[in-house]
Amino acid sequence: MDEENNNLNMRTDAYNRLKYEILHGAYFPGQKKFLKKIVSQDLGIGRTPVREAIIRLERYSLVEVVPQSGTYVTRIDMKSAENAQFLRREIDPDILLEFDVKSTPEIFHRLEDNLDRQTEAARIVTIIYF
């Protein structure tokens, strides 16, 4: 059971680390970076968890695996980005207003606690807490 949990943790860690690096610009759209051997050395884990993390990243359209060529960071679809921006601009204010009306002091305390933990995680660069 411990070995199974360890494997799950390695897969999750590899996925979270690669996702974080993609979303924060360590890899650029169109960049061929994901040589499993190099990534596994960088992360200090075997190739299998890296391969499984890449499969998961592909499911979420963060990378594209091209047979006989390699794995590339997915290019940003500007139309999708514009649609997401529109949704955030139009819907988020309504959600925040509803939250403000319906929330309780307990919910605000939980949010403040969560923000404090995220601030600490960012300070020590621990992405798993986000």
C-alpha atoms as a PDB file:
ATOM      1  CA  MET A   1       0.000   0.000   0.000  1.00  0.00           C
ATOM      2  CA  ASP A   2       2.843   2.408   0.799  1.00  0.00           C
ATOM      3  CA  GLU A   3       4.449   1.730  -2.587  1.00  0.00           C
ATOM      4  CA  GLU A   4       1.120   2.439  -4.304  1.00  0.00           C
ATOM      5  CA  ASN A   5       0.762   5.743  -2.405  1.00  0.00           C
ATOM      6  CA  ASN A   6       4.359   6.620  -3.243  1.00  0.00           C
ATOM      7  CA  ASN A   7       3.728   6.011  -6.961  1.00  0.00           C
ATOM      8  CA  LEU A   8       0.569   8.121  -6.817  1.00  0.00           C
ATOM      9  CA  ASN A   9       2.477  10.916  -5.074  1.00  0.00           C
ATOM     10  CA  MET A  10       5.253  10.826  -7.686  1.00  0.00           C
ATOM     11  CA  ARG A  11       2.706  11.014 -10.531  1.00  0.00           C
ATOM     12  CA  THR A  12       0.851  13.847  -8.815  1.00  0.00           C
ATOM     13  CA  ASP A  13       4.073  15.707  -8.033  1.00  0.00           C
ATOM     14  CA  ALA A  14       5.299  15.354 -11.619  1.00  0.00           C
ATOM     15  CA  TYR A  15       1.955  16.559 -12.996  1.00  0.00           C
ATOM     16  CA  ASN A  16       1.731  19.504 -10.589  1.00  0.00           C
ATOM     17  CA  ARG A  17       5.308  20.577 -11.222  1.00  0.00           C
ATOM     18  CA  LEU A  18       5.053  20.387 -15.013  1.00  0.00           C
ATOM     19  CA  LYS A  19       1.664  22.101 -15.025  1.00  0.00           C
ATOM     20  CA  TYR A  20       3.002  24.887 -12.803  1.00  0.00           C
ATOM     21  CA  GLU A  21       6.029  25.384 -15.043  1.00  0.00           C
ATOM     22  CA  ILE A  22       3.885  25.503 -18.193  1.00  0.00           C
ATOM     23  CA  LEU A  23       1.385  27.946 -16.696  1.00  0.00           C
ATOM     24  CA  HIS A  24       4.128  30.174 -15.315  1.00  0.00           C
ATOM     25  CA  GLY A  25       6.150  30.435 -18.511  1.00  0.00           C
ATOM     26  CA  ALA A  26       9.047  28.075 -17.830  1.00  0.00           C
ATOM     27  CA  TYR A  27       8.114  26.415 -21.129  1.00  0.00           C
ATOM     28  CA  PHE A  28       6.850  28.388 -24.102  1.00  0.00           C
ATOM     29  CA  PRO A  29       3.976  27.491 -26.437  1.00  0.00           C
ATOM     30  CA  GLY A  30       5.284  25.312 -29.236  1.00  0.00           C
ATOM     31  CA  GLN A  31       8.451  24.446 -27.313  1.00  0.00           C
ATOM     32  CA  LYS A  32       9.621  20.848 -27.550  1.00  0.00           C
ATOM     33  CA  LYS A  33      10.844  20.286 -24.036  1.00  0.00           C
ATOM     34  CA  PHE A  34       9.412  17.113 -22.668  1.00  0.00           C
ATOM     35  CA  LEU A  35      12.125  14.565 -23.164  1.00  0.00           C
ATOM     36  CA  LYS A  36      11.071  12.098 -20.487  1.00  0.00           C
ATOM     37  CA  LYS A  37      14.660  11.307 -19.532  1.00  0.00           C
ATOM     38  CA  ILE A  38      15.555  14.965 -18.914  1.00  0.00           C
ATOM     39  CA  VAL A  39      12.308  15.763 -17.098  1.00  0.00           C
ATOM     40  CA  SER A  40      12.639  12.682 -14.890  1.00  0.00           C
ATOM     41  CA  GLN A  41      16.217  13.718 -14.032  1.00  0.00           C
ATOM     42  CA  ASP A  42      15.094  17.287 -13.293  1.00  0.00           C
ATOM     43  CA  LEU A  43      12.315  16.025 -11.013  1.00  0.00           C
ATOM     44  CA  GLY A  44      14.419  13.262  -9.498  1.00  0.00           C
ATOM     45  CA  ILE A  45      11.880  10.534 -10.305  1.00  0.00           C
ATOM     46  CA  GLY A  46      11.513   7.706 -12.809  1.00  0.00           C
ATOM     47  CA  ARG A  47      10.238   8.012 -16.356  1.00  0.00           C
ATOM     48  CA  THR A  48       6.938   6.222 -15.680  1.00  0.00           C
ATOM     49  CA  PRO A  49       5.458   8.936 -13.416  1.00  0.00           C
ATOM     50  CA  VAL A  50       6.666  11.555 -15.924  1.00  0.00           C
ATOM     51  CA  ARG A  51       5.032   9.682 -18.811  1.00  0.00           C
ATOM     52  CA  GLU A  52       1.769   9.458 -16.844  1.00  0.00           C
ATOM     53  CA  ALA A  53       1.959  13.169 -15.978  1.00  0.00           C
ATOM     54  CA  ILE A  54       2.441  14.018 -19.656  1.00  0.00           C
ATOM     55  CA  ILE A  55      -0.620  11.913 -20.569  1.00  0.00           C
ATOM     56  CA  ARG A  56      -2.623  13.871 -18.009  1.00  0.00           C
ATOM     57  CA  LEU A  57      -1.270  17.192 -19.300  1.00  0.00           C
ATOM     58  CA  GLU A  58      -2.303  16.155 -22.808  1.00  0.00           C
ATOM     59  CA  ARG A  59      -5.834  15.405 -21.576  1.00  0.00           C
ATOM     60  CA  TYR A  60      -6.065  19.010 -20.377  1.00  0.00           C
ATOM     61  CA  SER A  61      -4.602  20.300 -23.676  1.00  0.00           C
ATOM     62  CA  LEU A  62      -1.465  21.697 -22.036  1.00  0.00           C
ATOM     63  CA  VAL A  63       0.843  19.596 -24.188  1.00  0.00           C
ATOM     64  CA  GLU A  64       0.559  17.848 -27.532  1.00  0.00           C
ATOM     65  CA  VAL A  65       2.235  14.515 -28.145  1.00  0.00           C
ATOM     66  CA  VAL A  66       3.258  14.120 -31.792  1.00  0.00           C
ATOM     67  CA  PRO A  67       4.230  10.539 -32.671  1.00  0.00           C
ATOM     68  CA  GLN A  68       7.783  10.169 -33.972  1.00  0.00           C
ATOM     69  CA  SER A  69       8.455  13.822 -33.165  1.00  0.00           C
ATOM     70  CA  GLY A  70       8.060  14.613 -29.480  1.00  0.00           C
ATOM     71  CA  THR A  71       5.959  16.387 -26.900  1.00  0.00           C
ATOM     72  CA  TYR A  72       5.271  20.071 -27.326  1.00  0.00           C
ATOM     73  CA  VAL A  73       3.733  22.732 -25.129  1.00  0.00           C
ATOM     74  CA  THR A  74       0.355  23.530 -26.669  1.00  0.00           C
ATOM     75  CA  ARG A  75       0.056  26.829 -28.465  1.00  0.00           C
ATOM     76  CA  ILE A  76      -2.410  29.271 -26.958  1.00  0.00           C
ATOM     77  CA  ASP A  77      -5.714  29.457 -28.806  1.00  0.00           C
ATOM     78  CA  MET A  78      -6.436  33.192 -28.759  1.00  0.00           C
ATOM     79  CA  LYS A  79     -10.172  32.721 -29.335  1.00  0.00           C
ATOM     80  CA  SER A  80     -10.416  30.435 -26.304  1.00  0.00           C
ATOM     81  CA  ALA A  81      -8.387  32.904 -24.241  1.00  0.00           C
ATOM     82  CA  GLU A  82     -10.678  35.760 -25.296  1.00  0.00           C
ATOM     83  CA  ASN A  83     -13.763  33.681 -24.427  1.00  0.00           C
ATOM     84  CA  ALA A  84     -12.346  32.844 -20.995  1.00  0.00           C
ATOM     85  CA  GLN A  85     -11.515  36.494 -20.378  1.00  0.00           C
ATOM     86  CA  PHE A  86     -15.044  37.501 -21.411  1.00  0.00           C
ATOM     87  CA  LEU A  87     -16.593  34.946 -19.059  1.00  0.00           C
ATOM     88  CA  ARG A  88     -14.452  36.103 -16.143  1.00  0.00           C
ATOM     89  CA  ARG A  89     -15.229  39.743 -16.813  1.00  0.00           C
ATOM     90  CA  GLU A  90     -18.984  39.160 -17.162  1.00  0.00           C
ATOM     91  CA  ILE A  91     -19.692  36.389 -14.665  1.00  0.00           C
ATOM     92  CA  ASP A  92     -17.163  36.821 -11.833  1.00  0.00           C
ATOM     93  CA  PRO A  93     -18.668  40.100 -10.530  1.00  0.00           C
ATOM     94  CA  ASP A  94     -22.103  38.431 -10.232  1.00  0.00           C
ATOM     95  CA  ILE A  95     -20.625  35.466  -8.410  1.00  0.00           C
ATOM     96  CA  LEU A  96     -18.731  37.744  -6.018  1.00  0.00           C
ATOM     97  CA  LEU A  97     -21.866  39.762  -5.302  1.00  0.00           C
ATOM     98  CA  GLU A  98     -23.853  36.611  -4.582  1.00  0.00           C
ATOM     99  CA  PHE A  99     -21.022  35.327  -2.385  1.00  0.00           C
ATOM    100  CA  ASP A 100     -20.961  38.597  -0.449  1.00  0.00           C
ATOM    101  CA  VAL A 101     -24.705  38.442   0.181  1.00  0.00           C
ATOM    102  CA  LYS A 102     -24.824  34.753   1.176  1.00  0.00           C
ATOM    103  CA  SER A 103     -21.523  34.300   2.985  1.00  0.00           C
ATOM    104  CA  THR A 104     -21.042  33.927   6.722  1.00  0.00           C
ATOM    105  CA  PRO A 105     -18.169  34.949   9.025  1.00  0.00           C
ATOM    106  CA  GLU A 106     -17.121  31.270   9.078  1.00  0.00           C
ATOM    107  CA  ILE A 107     -16.723  31.233   5.290  1.00  0.00           C
ATOM    108  CA  PHE A 108     -14.674  34.443   5.391  1.00  0.00           C
ATOM    109  CA  HIS A 109     -12.445  32.903   8.081  1.00  0.00           C
ATOM    110  CA  ARG A 110     -11.899  29.791   5.940  1.00  0.00           C
ATOM    111  CA  LEU A 111     -11.040  31.950   2.918  1.00  0.00           C
ATOM    112  CA  GLU A 112      -8.578  34.032   4.920  1.00  0.00           C
ATOM    113  CA  ASP A 113      -6.967  30.846   6.232  1.00  0.00           C
ATOM    114  CA  ASN A 114      -6.713  29.481   2.676  1.00  0.00           C
ATOM    115  CA  LEU A 115      -5.137  32.717   1.411  1.00  0.00           C
ATOM    116  CA  ASP A 116      -2.637  32.669   4.290  1.00  0.00           C
ATOM    117  CA  ARG A 117      -1.641  29.098   3.395  1.00  0.00           C
ATOM    118  CA  GLN A 118      -1.276  30.021  -0.277  1.00  0.00           C
ATOM    119  CA  THR A 119       0.851  33.027   0.621  1.00  0.00           C
ATOM    120  CA  GLU A 120       3.106  30.807   2.714  1.00  0.00           C
ATOM    121  CA  ALA A 121       3.257  28.184  -0.041  1.00  0.00           C
ATOM    122  CA  ALA A 122       4.242  30.874  -2.552  1.00  0.00           C
ATOM    123  CA  ARG A 123       6.879  32.156  -0.149  1.00  0.00           C
ATOM    124  CA  ILE A 124       8.499  28.738   0.143  1.00  0.00           C
ATOM    125  CA  VAL A 125       7.663  27.801  -3.485  1.00  0.00           C
ATOM    126  CA  THR A 126       5.489  24.787  -2.657  1.00  0.00           C
ATOM    127  CA  ILE A 127       2.884  24.470  -5.405  1.00  0.00           C
ATOM    128  CA  ILE A 128       1.046  21.508  -3.935  1.00  0.00           C
ATOM    129  CA  TYR A 129      -0.851  23.807  -1.513  1.00  0.00           C
ATOM    130  CA  PHE A 130      -2.430  25.886  -4.281  1.00  0.00           C
END
